[in-house]
N, C-alpha and C. Protein backbone atom coordinates (compact mmCIF):
# COMPACT_ATOMS: atom_id res chain seq x y z
N MET A 1 -8.00 -3.15 -3.31
CA MET A 1 -8.46 -2.18 -4.88
C MET A 1 -9.79 -0.97 -3.86
N VAL A 2 -9.03 0.32 -3.76
CA VAL A 2 -10.80 0.88 -3.59
C VAL A 2 -11.38 1.25 -4.55
N ARG A 3 -12.64 1.43 -4.72
CA ARG A 3 -13.61 2.08 -5.91
C ARG A 3 -14.58 2.60 -5.22
N ASP A 4 -13.95 4.22 -5.63
CA ASP A 4 -15.15 5.41 -5.37
C ASP A 4 -16.07 5.71 -6.60
N VAL A 5 -17.02 5.64 -6.76
CA VAL A 5 -18.11 5.56 -7.33
C VAL A 5 -18.57 7.33 -7.86
N ARG A 6 -18.08 7.87 -6.66
CA ARG A 6 -19.02 9.31 -7.07
C ARG A 6 -17.18 9.71 -7.82
N ILE A 7 -16.43 9.59 -7.66
CA ILE A 7 -15.22 10.25 -8.54
C ILE A 7 -15.06 9.26 -9.90
N GLY A 8 -15.28 8.35 -9.54
CA GLY A 8 -14.85 7.05 -10.74
C GLY A 8 -13.55 6.95 -11.28
N LEU A 9 -12.79 6.78 -9.92
CA LEU A 9 -11.78 6.20 -9.74
C LEU A 9 -11.45 4.87 -8.73
N ASP A 10 -10.56 3.83 -9.51
CA ASP A 10 -10.35 2.77 -8.24
C ASP A 10 -8.56 3.75 -7.96
N TYR A 11 -8.56 2.96 -7.12
CA TYR A 11 -7.19 3.04 -6.42
C TYR A 11 -7.26 2.10 -5.59
N PRO A 12 -5.46 1.86 -5.41
CA PRO A 12 -4.53 0.73 -4.24
C PRO A 12 -4.78 1.27 -3.78
N VAL A 13 -5.05 0.65 -2.17
CA VAL A 13 -4.63 0.90 -0.65
C VAL A 13 -3.63 0.16 -0.35
N ILE A 14 -2.31 0.50 -0.13
CA ILE A 14 -1.35 -0.40 -0.05
C ILE A 14 -0.57 0.24 1.33
N CYS A 15 0.50 -1.04 1.79
CA CYS A 15 1.00 -0.65 2.94
C CYS A 15 1.97 0.07 2.20
N ARG A 16 2.27 1.11 3.55
CA ARG A 16 3.80 2.14 2.95
C ARG A 16 4.99 2.23 3.58
N PHE A 17 4.71 0.89 4.46
CA PHE A 17 5.90 0.67 5.45
C PHE A 17 6.71 1.90 5.83
N CYS A 18 5.43 2.03 6.95
CA CYS A 18 5.84 2.84 8.16
C CYS A 18 7.40 2.34 8.43
N GLU A 19 8.15 3.92 8.65
CA GLU A 19 9.04 3.50 10.13
C GLU A 19 9.34 4.69 10.84
N PRO A 20 9.08 4.54 12.13
CA PRO A 20 8.29 3.35 12.90
C PRO A 20 7.27 2.44 12.31
N ALA A 21 6.75 1.13 12.42
CA ALA A 21 5.55 0.81 11.61
C ALA A 21 5.15 0.78 13.26
N PRO A 22 3.53 1.68 12.95
CA PRO A 22 2.50 1.15 14.03
C PRO A 22 1.97 0.34 13.98
N CYS A 23 2.08 -0.73 13.50
CA CYS A 23 1.06 -1.95 12.89
C CYS A 23 2.39 -2.92 13.97
N MET A 24 3.32 -2.87 13.35
CA MET A 24 4.30 -3.75 14.49
C MET A 24 4.41 -3.29 15.88
N GLU A 25 4.48 -2.38 15.70
CA GLU A 25 4.50 -1.51 17.52
C GLU A 25 2.85 -1.95 18.43
N ALA A 26 1.86 -2.09 17.45
CA ALA A 26 0.63 -2.03 18.30
C ALA A 26 0.23 -3.72 18.13
N CYS A 27 1.54 -4.80 17.85
CA CYS A 27 1.05 -5.76 17.81
C CYS A 27 1.27 -6.51 19.29
N PRO A 28 0.62 -7.19 20.10
CA PRO A 28 0.87 -7.71 21.40
C PRO A 28 1.74 -9.09 20.98
N THR A 29 1.55 -9.47 20.46
CA THR A 29 2.17 -11.36 19.55
C THR A 29 3.65 -11.20 19.11
N GLY A 30 4.35 -10.25 18.64
CA GLY A 30 4.94 -10.11 17.84
C GLY A 30 5.21 -10.58 16.57
N SER A 31 3.87 -10.90 16.02
CA SER A 31 3.85 -11.81 14.43
C SER A 31 3.38 -10.80 13.44
N ILE A 32 4.44 -9.53 13.52
CA ILE A 32 4.40 -8.87 12.17
C ILE A 32 5.90 -8.67 12.24
N ARG A 33 6.37 -8.20 11.68
CA ARG A 33 7.82 -8.31 10.79
C ARG A 33 8.09 -7.96 9.90
N ARG A 34 8.96 -7.59 9.38
CA ARG A 34 9.54 -7.02 8.19
C ARG A 34 10.56 -7.94 7.79
N ASN A 35 10.37 -8.27 6.30
CA ASN A 35 11.18 -9.32 6.09
C ASN A 35 12.11 -8.73 4.82
N ASP A 36 13.07 -9.69 4.13
CA ASP A 36 14.46 -8.89 3.71
C ASP A 36 14.51 -8.16 2.68
N ILE A 37 13.20 -8.36 2.55
CA ILE A 37 13.01 -6.37 0.87
C ILE A 37 12.31 -5.14 1.87
N GLY A 38 11.78 -5.50 3.32
CA GLY A 38 11.69 -4.25 4.06
C GLY A 38 9.59 -4.21 3.91
N ALA A 39 9.26 -5.38 3.07
CA ALA A 39 7.80 -5.46 3.71
C ALA A 39 7.14 -5.88 4.86
N ILE A 40 6.24 -5.24 5.27
CA ILE A 40 5.59 -5.95 6.61
C ILE A 40 5.15 -7.22 5.97
N VAL A 41 5.20 -8.27 7.25
CA VAL A 41 4.51 -9.41 6.74
C VAL A 41 4.15 -10.13 8.14
N ILE A 42 2.72 -10.67 8.07
CA ILE A 42 2.06 -10.99 9.13
C ILE A 42 2.30 -12.31 9.42
N PHE A 43 2.60 -13.12 10.41
CA PHE A 43 2.82 -14.53 10.58
C PHE A 43 1.61 -14.87 11.26
N GLU A 44 0.86 -15.81 10.52
CA GLU A 44 -0.76 -16.05 10.90
C GLU A 44 -0.43 -16.99 11.88
N GLU A 45 0.77 -18.12 11.91
CA GLU A 45 0.49 -18.75 12.98
C GLU A 45 0.23 -18.69 14.63
N THR A 46 1.14 -17.06 14.51
CA THR A 46 1.12 -16.86 15.87
C THR A 46 0.23 -15.37 16.09
N CYS A 47 -0.10 -15.25 15.30
CA CYS A 47 -1.29 -13.66 14.97
C CYS A 47 -2.84 -14.44 16.11
N SER A 48 -2.87 -13.18 17.08
CA SER A 48 -4.11 -13.25 17.98
C SER A 48 -5.74 -12.95 16.97
N SER A 49 -4.95 -12.80 16.08
CA SER A 49 -6.64 -11.70 15.40
C SER A 49 -6.92 -10.75 16.21
N CYS A 50 -6.47 -10.40 16.76
CA CYS A 50 -6.83 -8.87 18.22
C CYS A 50 -7.08 -8.03 17.13
N GLY A 51 -6.93 -7.70 15.91
CA GLY A 51 -6.93 -6.16 15.58
C GLY A 51 -6.43 -5.33 15.48
N ASN A 52 -5.20 -5.15 15.99
CA ASN A 52 -4.45 -3.90 16.77
C ASN A 52 -3.60 -3.43 15.80
N CYS A 53 -3.31 -4.04 14.67
CA CYS A 53 -2.84 -3.65 13.55
C CYS A 53 -3.48 -2.96 12.63
N ILE A 54 -5.13 -3.12 12.34
CA ILE A 54 -5.98 -2.81 12.11
C ILE A 54 -6.15 -1.50 12.20
N ASN A 55 -6.31 -1.52 13.23
CA ASN A 55 -6.54 -0.10 14.08
C ASN A 55 -5.52 0.89 13.98
N SER A 56 -4.67 0.66 14.12
CA SER A 56 -3.01 1.58 13.80
C SER A 56 -2.82 1.71 12.83
N CYS A 57 -3.28 0.58 11.52
CA CYS A 57 -2.77 1.59 10.36
C CYS A 57 -3.20 2.44 9.99
N PRO A 58 -2.40 3.82 9.82
CA PRO A 58 -2.84 5.07 9.52
C PRO A 58 -3.36 5.11 7.59
N TYR A 59 -3.00 4.35 7.37
CA TYR A 59 -3.39 4.13 5.85
C TYR A 59 -4.44 3.27 5.36
N GLY A 60 -4.80 2.38 6.61
CA GLY A 60 -5.89 1.38 6.06
C GLY A 60 -5.84 0.35 5.17
N ALA A 61 -4.43 0.32 5.44
CA ALA A 61 -3.67 -0.81 4.41
C ALA A 61 -3.40 -2.36 5.05
N ILE A 62 -3.86 -2.51 6.10
CA ILE A 62 -4.33 -4.00 6.59
C ILE A 62 -5.57 -4.08 7.05
N LYS A 63 -6.27 -5.25 6.42
CA LYS A 63 -7.47 -5.74 6.45
C LYS A 63 -7.58 -7.35 6.79
N MET A 64 -9.20 -7.34 7.38
CA MET A 64 -8.68 -9.18 8.04
C MET A 64 -9.57 -9.98 6.81
N HIS A 65 -8.59 -10.81 6.75
CA HIS A 65 -9.47 -12.00 6.02
C HIS A 65 -10.98 -12.03 5.86
N LYS A 66 -11.45 -12.68 5.06
CA LYS A 66 -13.04 -12.44 5.43
C LYS A 66 -13.24 -13.99 5.90
N THR A 67 -12.32 -14.82 5.25
CA THR A 67 -12.30 -16.75 5.83
C THR A 67 -11.34 -16.98 6.73
N LYS A 68 -10.33 -16.07 6.34
CA LYS A 68 -9.43 -17.17 7.44
C LYS A 68 -9.52 -16.04 9.19
N GLY A 69 -9.96 -14.97 9.23
CA GLY A 69 -10.30 -14.37 10.08
C GLY A 69 -8.66 -13.59 10.88
N VAL A 70 -7.80 -13.35 9.80
CA VAL A 70 -6.45 -13.08 9.95
C VAL A 70 -6.50 -11.92 9.39
N PRO A 71 -5.63 -10.73 10.04
CA PRO A 71 -5.35 -9.70 9.47
C PRO A 71 -4.62 -9.85 8.11
N ILE A 72 -4.49 -9.43 6.78
CA ILE A 72 -3.42 -9.19 5.86
C ILE A 72 -3.02 -7.92 5.39
N VAL A 73 -1.77 -8.18 4.61
CA VAL A 73 -1.35 -6.83 3.99
C VAL A 73 -0.45 -6.98 2.77
N CYS A 74 -0.01 -6.53 2.04
CA CYS A 74 0.89 -6.13 0.79
C CYS A 74 2.02 -6.57 1.28
N ASP A 75 2.26 -7.89 0.79
CA ASP A 75 4.05 -8.02 1.45
C ASP A 75 4.77 -7.93 -0.05
N LEU A 76 4.23 -7.42 -1.32
CA LEU A 76 4.94 -7.57 -2.12
C LEU A 76 5.80 -8.44 -2.68
N CYS A 77 4.54 -9.52 -2.42
CA CYS A 77 4.47 -10.63 -3.13
C CYS A 77 6.26 -11.20 -3.46
N GLY A 78 6.80 -11.07 -1.72
CA GLY A 78 8.78 -11.25 -1.83
C GLY A 78 9.32 -10.69 -2.99
N GLY A 79 9.00 -9.60 -3.70
CA GLY A 79 9.78 -8.68 -4.35
C GLY A 79 9.18 -8.77 -6.06
N GLU A 80 8.15 -9.95 -5.95
CA GLU A 80 7.92 -10.12 -7.37
C GLU A 80 6.19 -9.67 -7.95
N PRO A 81 5.82 -8.78 -6.98
CA PRO A 81 4.42 -8.32 -7.20
C PRO A 81 3.39 -8.88 -7.91
N GLU A 82 2.63 -9.88 -7.99
CA GLU A 82 1.66 -9.97 -8.77
C GLU A 82 1.10 -8.80 -9.84
N CYS A 83 0.78 -7.85 -8.94
CA CYS A 83 -0.01 -7.00 -9.78
C CYS A 83 0.49 -6.38 -10.71
N VAL A 84 2.06 -6.31 -10.61
CA VAL A 84 2.49 -5.68 -11.48
C VAL A 84 3.10 -6.77 -12.78
N LYS A 85 2.74 -8.12 -12.58
CA LYS A 85 2.96 -9.21 -13.49
C LYS A 85 1.82 -9.27 -14.00
N ARG A 86 0.59 -8.99 -13.26
CA ARG A 86 -0.71 -9.07 -14.47
C ARG A 86 -1.48 -7.89 -15.00
N CYS A 87 -0.66 -6.70 -14.28
CA CYS A 87 -1.46 -5.61 -14.54
C CYS A 87 -1.29 -5.68 -16.50
N PRO A 88 -2.55 -5.70 -16.80
CA PRO A 88 -2.64 -5.29 -18.91
C PRO A 88 -2.31 -4.41 -19.56
N MET A 89 -1.93 -2.85 -18.78
CA MET A 89 -1.01 -2.04 -19.26
C MET A 89 -0.05 -1.79 -19.44
N ASN A 90 0.39 -2.82 -18.35
CA ASN A 90 2.21 -2.55 -17.68
C ASN A 90 2.05 -1.45 -17.32
N ALA A 91 1.41 -0.36 -16.69
CA ALA A 91 1.18 0.58 -16.13
C ALA A 91 1.78 0.50 -14.50
N LEU A 92 2.43 -0.81 -14.58
CA LEU A 92 2.75 -1.05 -12.51
C LEU A 92 4.04 -1.28 -13.05
N THR A 93 4.84 -0.70 -12.20
CA THR A 93 6.54 -1.21 -12.09
C THR A 93 6.87 -1.58 -10.42
N PHE A 94 8.09 -2.16 -10.31
CA PHE A 94 8.15 -2.25 -8.66
C PHE A 94 9.47 -1.76 -8.43
N GLN A 95 9.59 -0.70 -7.51
CA GLN A 95 10.92 -0.34 -7.69
C GLN A 95 11.45 0.06 -5.95
N ARG A 96 12.59 -0.40 -5.60
CA ARG A 96 12.04 -0.11 -4.26
C ARG A 96 12.32 1.37 -4.21
N PHE A 97 11.24 1.95 -2.35
CA PHE A 97 11.42 3.37 -2.94
C PHE A 97 12.55 4.31 -2.78
N GLU A 98 13.53 4.18 -2.19
CA GLU A 98 14.62 5.04 -1.65
C GLU A 98 15.00 5.16 -3.27
N VAL A 99 15.09 4.72 -4.07
CA VAL A 99 15.73 4.50 -5.37
C VAL A 99 14.03 5.57 -6.25
N ARG A 100 13.47 5.51 -6.16
CA ARG A 100 12.06 6.16 -6.80
C ARG A 100 12.40 7.74 -6.54
N ALA A 101 12.40 7.68 -5.19
CA ALA A 101 11.92 9.24 -4.81
C ALA A 101 12.70 9.55 -4.91
N LEU A 102 13.82 9.54 -5.47
CA LEU A 102 15.15 10.87 -5.48
C LEU A 102 15.08 10.74 -7.21
N GLU A 103 13.94 10.01 -7.99
CA GLU A 103 14.07 10.15 -9.18
C GLU A 103 12.68 11.12 -9.75
N ILE A 104 12.39 12.29 -9.46
CA ILE A 104 11.42 13.24 -9.46
C ILE A 104 11.01 13.68 -11.19
N THR A 105 12.46 13.71 -11.88
CA THR A 105 12.37 13.82 -13.20
C THR A 105 12.52 13.09 -13.90
N ASP A 106 11.19 11.53 -13.20
CA ASP A 106 11.53 10.96 -14.51
C ASP A 106 10.07 11.30 -15.08
N PRO A 107 9.72 11.35 -16.29
CA PRO A 107 9.34 11.57 -17.29
C PRO A 107 8.02 10.82 -16.73
N ALA A 108 7.39 9.46 -15.99
CA ALA A 108 6.38 9.04 -16.13
C ALA A 108 6.21 9.79 -14.79
N TYR A 109 6.55 9.76 -13.80
CA TYR A 109 6.11 10.82 -12.51
C TYR A 109 5.51 11.95 -12.64
N ILE A 110 6.38 12.65 -13.64
CA ILE A 110 5.74 13.90 -14.04
C ILE A 110 4.45 14.06 -14.48
N TYR A 111 4.31 12.81 -15.32
CA TYR A 111 2.82 12.75 -16.27
C TYR A 111 1.56 12.57 -15.23
N ALA A 112 2.26 11.51 -14.12
CA ALA A 112 1.43 11.23 -13.28
C ALA A 112 1.11 12.25 -12.39
N LEU A 113 1.66 12.90 -11.96
CA LEU A 113 1.78 14.70 -10.96
C LEU A 113 0.47 15.31 -12.11
N ARG A 114 0.83 15.49 -13.29
CA ARG A 114 0.66 16.37 -14.39
C ARG A 114 -1.62 16.10 -14.35
N GLU A 115 -1.49 14.70 -14.27
CA GLU A 115 -2.85 13.76 -14.28
C GLU A 115 -3.79 13.90 -13.12
N PHE A 116 -3.04 13.76 -11.94
CA PHE A 116 -3.72 13.64 -11.21
C PHE A 116 -3.41 15.42 -10.17
N ALA A 117 -3.00 16.56 -10.81
CA ALA A 117 -3.54 17.76 -10.62
C ALA A 117 -4.75 17.88 -11.77
N GLU A 118 -4.67 17.67 -12.46
CA GLU A 118 -5.77 18.18 -13.84
C GLU A 118 -7.07 17.35 -13.30
N GLN A 119 -6.94 15.79 -12.56
CA GLN A 119 -8.33 15.19 -12.10
C GLN A 119 -8.91 15.67 -10.94
N ALA A 120 -7.60 16.48 -9.80
CA ALA A 120 -8.25 17.47 -8.64
C ALA A 120 -9.22 18.82 -8.62
N ARG A 121 -8.40 19.46 -9.88
CA ARG A 121 -9.04 20.26 -10.42
C ARG A 121 -10.63 20.54 -10.92
N ARG A 122 -10.77 18.97 -11.90
CA ARG A 122 -12.02 18.46 -12.14
C ARG A 122 -12.72 18.56 -10.80
N TRP A 123 -12.18 18.03 -9.85
CA TRP A 123 -13.11 17.73 -8.38
C TRP A 123 -13.23 18.68 -7.70
N GLY A 124 -12.74 20.19 -8.21
CA GLY A 124 -13.00 21.29 -7.10
C GLY A 124 -11.98 21.58 -6.69
N LEU A 125 -11.02 20.90 -6.08
CA LEU A 125 -9.79 21.32 -5.52
C LEU A 125 -9.19 21.84 -5.85
N ASP A 126 -8.33 23.14 -5.28
CA ASP A 126 -7.49 24.54 -5.48
C ASP A 126 -6.49 23.49 -5.24
N VAL A 127 -5.65 23.49 -6.41
CA VAL A 127 -4.05 22.64 -6.94
C VAL A 127 -2.94 23.80 -7.52
N GLU A 128 -1.99 23.82 -7.01
CA GLU A 128 -1.13 24.74 -7.45
C GLU A 128 -0.66 24.38 -8.14
């Protein structure tokens, strides 16, 4: 989670599961693979902690663990993300990307799009 105090917004910085995945291509030890649901997983036991994956991620979603000294990335908790379970407002859901991408008529999607556009206008951005 990233907190931008200038604009009063917290937002997640999560793996977008790129295809092809630059982090996987940059890993010299082959320690980054996809699990059965397509999430990126970093295998600590073979990771050299070189940081290539961190530098290659276009979204900044991979960080170095502060105490373990190995890269970490959201792996969707094996298909049952803890963030979804623990969200006190039930504002998060977990659905496979292919399914959600086709449902652009979903009222929640339309609401979020409208709210983000309004926030962008308040920041002085030109939004259609």
